[in-house]
Amino acid sequence: MDVINQALQFLKSKIDDYNANVGSIVELYNIATLNDGDQFLPSSTPITLSVVNIQEDIISRTPNVYVANSNPSSSISKYKNPAKNLVLSLLFSSYNQEQKTEKYQAGITKLEHVIRCFQEQHVFYINGTTEVDPSTTNHTKLILDMENLSISELNQLWSMLGNKYMPSVLYKMRMITIQHQLEDGGEVIEKVKLKLWNNDPDDSAGLIEESDDIILNT
């Protein structure tokens, strides 16, 4: 399972466990296509969790990095691209399948549970879908911040989703790190062969350098 889906599954479990007295309330579902298959949702008043935007966290972007060669006989490092730190916009919406007052109120209550959950804790350290101690080296850090949207911004968001407004709250989740792992066994470039271009035939130094290939040991 990839890191984004693992994070979403973790958040669903975290909210459901926090509200154990009301049972499972979060459904991972694209709110933009809800009307096409809402009859398949287990609950008539779920909180739908939808990813509405994915961005790169430019501020936390790291420079190009090198990793040590796994071959102990060589100190040459392998180059790899910097990791991508992502920011996900997560929309929690209170969906009311049955147009009844009590169902609407139940949905509002469930949405409040989501807000309470992240008000108590908004920073998580996970390994897969399991919360771990931050002192461990193998973990992903998640930071959730609530976003305040104006009426015009809400209008743009729900127009983009092609749906009528539903009571909802938008969170930005930071520090989803995507890094392609280098495969072992690849050869490391240890020598670069250059041939200098002779721009000036009258330059004796240039003529001398042009005559031989140069080997650079990195």
Protein backbone atom coordinates (compact mmCIF):
# COMPACT_ATOMS: atom_id res chain seq x y z
CA MET A 1 0.00 0.00 0.00
CA ASP A 2 1.38 3.44 -0.86
CA VAL A 3 2.09 6.14 1.70
CA ILE A 4 -0.92 8.35 0.82
CA ASN A 5 -3.46 5.53 1.18
CA GLN A 6 -1.76 4.42 4.38
CA ALA A 7 -2.15 7.92 5.82
CA LEU A 8 -5.83 8.09 4.83
CA GLN A 9 -6.54 4.68 6.33
CA PHE A 10 -4.77 5.74 9.53
CA LEU A 11 -6.87 8.91 9.82
CA LYS A 12 -10.08 6.95 9.26
CA SER A 13 -9.12 4.49 12.00
CA LYS A 14 -8.04 7.30 14.33
CA ILE A 15 -11.38 9.09 14.05
CA ASP A 16 -13.41 5.88 14.30
CA ASP A 17 -11.47 4.79 17.40
CA TYR A 18 -11.86 8.24 18.96
CA ASN A 19 -15.63 7.97 18.48
CA ALA A 20 -15.92 4.32 19.42
CA ASN A 21 -19.26 4.97 21.13
CA VAL A 22 -20.83 5.95 17.80
CA GLY A 23 -19.09 3.31 15.68
CA SER A 24 -17.41 3.73 12.32
CA ILE A 25 -18.33 7.10 10.84
CA VAL A 26 -15.71 7.89 8.16
CA GLU A 27 -15.93 6.63 4.59
CA LEU A 28 -13.09 7.17 2.10
CA TYR A 29 -15.04 8.38 -0.90
CA ASN A 30 -14.77 10.93 -3.69
CA ILE A 31 -17.41 13.46 -2.76
CA ALA A 32 -17.58 14.62 -6.39
CA THR A 33 -19.01 11.24 -7.47
CA LEU A 34 -21.12 10.54 -4.40
CA ASN A 35 -24.47 10.74 -6.14
CA ASP A 36 -23.34 8.06 -8.59
CA GLY A 37 -23.06 5.37 -5.93
CA ASP A 38 -24.31 6.60 -2.58
CA GLN A 39 -26.56 3.58 -2.24
CA PHE A 40 -23.45 1.48 -1.63
CA LEU A 41 -22.32 3.48 1.41
CA PRO A 42 -22.73 1.47 4.65
CA SER A 43 -24.18 4.45 6.52
CA SER A 44 -26.88 6.87 5.44
CA THR A 45 -25.10 9.67 7.33
CA PRO A 46 -21.37 9.10 6.94
CA ILE A 47 -18.52 11.56 7.12
CA THR A 48 -16.89 11.31 3.71
CA LEU A 49 -13.14 11.84 3.52
CA SER A 50 -12.04 13.10 0.10
CA VAL A 51 -8.69 14.28 -1.24
CA VAL A 52 -9.49 17.52 -3.09
CA ASN A 53 -5.94 18.70 -3.83
CA ILE A 54 -2.33 17.52 -3.73
CA GLN A 55 0.56 19.99 -3.67
CA GLU A 56 4.29 19.95 -3.06
CA ASP A 57 5.52 21.57 0.15
CA ILE A 58 8.10 23.85 -1.49
CA ILE A 59 9.32 25.29 1.82
CA SER A 60 10.51 21.90 3.06
CA ARG A 61 12.07 20.90 -0.27
CA THR A 62 15.53 19.43 0.20
CA PRO A 63 18.46 19.92 -2.18
CA ASN A 64 19.88 17.18 -4.35
CA VAL A 65 21.30 14.48 -2.14
CA TYR A 66 23.71 11.58 -2.35
CA VAL A 67 23.61 8.27 -0.54
CA ALA A 68 26.59 6.15 0.40
CA ASN A 69 27.48 3.32 -1.95
CA SER A 70 26.53 -0.07 -0.56
CA ASN A 71 29.82 -1.50 -1.85
CA PRO A 72 32.31 -1.16 1.05
CA SER A 73 35.28 -1.11 -1.33
CA SER A 74 34.22 2.24 -2.75
CA SER A 75 33.42 5.52 -1.07
CA ILE A 76 31.66 6.89 -4.13
CA SER A 77 28.09 7.98 -3.43
CA LYS A 78 25.00 7.39 -5.48
CA TYR A 79 22.91 10.35 -6.57
CA LYS A 80 19.19 10.43 -5.92
CA ASN A 81 16.56 13.09 -6.35
CA PRO A 82 15.31 14.86 -3.23
CA ALA A 83 12.17 13.53 -1.58
CA LYS A 84 8.82 15.12 -2.38
CA ASN A 85 7.05 16.45 0.70
CA LEU A 86 3.37 16.71 -0.13
CA VAL A 87 0.49 18.73 1.24
CA LEU A 88 -2.92 17.07 0.89
CA SER A 89 -6.17 19.01 1.18
CA LEU A 90 -8.64 16.72 2.94
CA LEU A 91 -12.35 17.48 2.92
CA PHE A 92 -14.50 15.94 5.64
CA SER A 93 -18.15 16.29 4.63
CA SER A 94 -21.32 15.43 6.50
CA TYR A 95 -23.43 13.58 3.95
CA ASN A 96 -27.16 13.06 4.53
CA GLN A 97 -28.51 10.35 2.26
CA GLU A 98 -31.96 10.55 3.80
CA GLN A 99 -33.49 14.01 3.82
CA LYS A 100 -34.58 13.92 7.45
CA THR A 101 -33.92 16.44 10.21
CA GLU A 102 -32.60 13.85 12.66
CA LYS A 103 -30.18 12.50 10.03
CA TYR A 104 -28.91 16.00 9.32
CA GLN A 105 -28.33 16.60 13.02
CA ALA A 106 -26.58 13.24 13.36
CA GLY A 107 -24.23 14.21 10.54
CA ILE A 108 -23.39 17.52 12.21
CA THR A 109 -22.59 15.66 15.44
CA LYS A 110 -20.25 13.28 13.62
CA LEU A 111 -18.50 16.22 11.96
CA GLU A 112 -17.98 17.73 15.39
CA HIS A 113 -16.35 14.47 16.48
CA VAL A 114 -13.82 14.84 13.65
CA ILE A 115 -12.97 18.37 14.77
CA ARG A 116 -12.63 17.27 18.40
CA CYS A 117 -10.33 14.41 17.40
CA PHE A 118 -7.84 16.69 15.62
CA GLN A 119 -8.22 19.41 18.23
CA GLU A 120 -6.87 16.97 20.82
CA GLN A 121 -4.04 15.80 18.57
CA HIS A 122 -2.99 17.15 15.20
CA VAL A 123 0.53 15.68 14.82
CA PHE A 124 0.95 11.95 14.22
CA TYR A 125 3.87 9.61 13.60
CA ILE A 126 2.94 6.49 11.68
CA ASN A 127 4.58 3.42 10.21
CA GLY A 128 2.21 2.03 7.61
CA THR A 129 -1.19 2.49 9.23
CA THR A 130 0.08 2.16 12.81
CA GLU A 131 0.90 5.04 15.13
CA VAL A 132 4.46 4.77 16.49
CA ASP A 133 6.75 6.58 18.90
CA PRO A 134 8.40 9.64 17.29
CA SER A 135 11.82 8.46 18.50
CA THR A 136 11.74 5.60 15.99
CA THR A 137 13.67 6.21 12.79
CA ASN A 138 11.21 4.55 10.41
CA HIS A 139 8.09 6.69 10.46
CA THR A 140 6.06 9.23 8.50
CA LYS A 141 5.08 12.48 10.18
CA LEU A 142 1.60 13.87 9.60
CA ILE A 143 0.55 17.40 10.56
CA LEU A 144 -3.11 18.41 10.23
CA ASP A 145 -4.20 22.05 10.22
CA MET A 146 -7.75 23.25 9.77
CA GLU A 147 -8.29 25.65 6.87
CA ASN A 148 -10.73 28.55 7.08
CA LEU A 149 -12.56 29.16 3.80
CA SER A 150 -14.50 32.26 2.90
CA ILE A 151 -17.94 32.05 1.29
CA SER A 152 -16.45 32.71 -2.16
CA GLU A 153 -13.79 30.03 -1.63
CA LEU A 154 -16.45 27.57 -0.51
CA ASN A 155 -18.45 28.38 -3.61
CA GLN A 156 -15.44 27.72 -5.83
CA LEU A 157 -14.63 24.45 -4.03
CA TRP A 158 -18.11 22.98 -4.26
CA SER A 159 -18.56 24.22 -7.82
CA MET A 160 -15.36 22.38 -8.72
CA LEU A 161 -16.71 19.25 -7.03
CA GLY A 162 -19.97 19.59 -8.97
CA ASN A 163 -22.11 19.21 -5.88
CA LYS A 164 -24.31 21.23 -3.58
CA TYR A 165 -22.78 22.45 -0.36
CA MET A 166 -22.68 20.05 2.57
CA PRO A 167 -21.54 20.86 6.12
CA SER A 168 -17.83 20.22 5.94
CA VAL A 169 -14.39 21.05 7.25
CA LEU A 170 -11.16 21.29 5.26
CA TYR A 171 -7.80 20.19 6.66
CA LYS A 172 -4.36 20.48 5.14
CA MET A 173 -2.19 17.46 5.90
CA ARG A 174 1.54 18.09 5.55
CA MET A 175 4.66 15.91 5.46
CA ILE A 176 3.56 13.07 3.24
CA THR A 177 7.01 12.11 1.92
CA ILE A 178 7.43 10.42 -1.42
CA GLN A 179 10.91 9.02 -2.12
CA HIS A 180 11.81 6.48 -4.77
CA GLN A 181 14.21 3.97 -3.25
CA LEU A 182 17.42 3.27 -5.14
CA GLU A 183 17.81 -0.35 -6.09
CA ASP A 184 20.94 -2.14 -4.92
CA GLY A 185 23.30 -3.57 -7.48
CA GLY A 186 23.49 -0.57 -9.79
CA GLU A 187 26.96 0.45 -10.86
CA VAL A 188 28.38 3.73 -9.65
CA ILE A 189 30.13 6.08 -12.08
CA GLU A 190 33.69 6.39 -10.86
CA LYS A 191 35.36 7.90 -13.96
CA VAL A 192 34.25 10.53 -16.42
CA LYS A 193 35.88 10.79 -19.84
CA LEU A 194 36.09 14.29 -21.29
CA LYS A 195 37.40 15.58 -24.59
CA LEU A 196 38.17 19.29 -24.55
CA TRP A 197 37.01 21.36 -27.48
CA ASN A 198 39.65 23.44 -29.23
CA ASN A 199 38.14 26.88 -29.70
CA ASP A 200 41.39 28.65 -30.56
CA PRO A 201 43.84 26.85 -32.91
CA ASP A 202 46.50 29.44 -31.99
CA ASP A 203 46.34 28.52 -28.31
CA SER A 204 49.12 25.99 -27.78
CA ALA A 205 47.66 24.86 -24.46
CA GLY A 206 44.37 24.12 -26.17
CA LEU A 207 46.11 22.08 -28.86
CA ILE A 208 47.93 20.02 -26.25
CA GLU A 209 44.76 19.29 -24.28
CA GLU A 210 42.83 18.43 -27.41
CA SER A 211 45.28 15.74 -28.38
CA ASP A 212 44.53 13.45 -25.43
CA ASP A 213 41.41 12.26 -23.68
CA ILE A 214 41.33 13.16 -20.03
CA ILE A 215 40.19 10.78 -17.35
CA LEU A 216 38.81 12.32 -14.19
CA ASN A 217 38.63 10.19 -11.07
CA THR A 218 35.64 11.25 -9.00
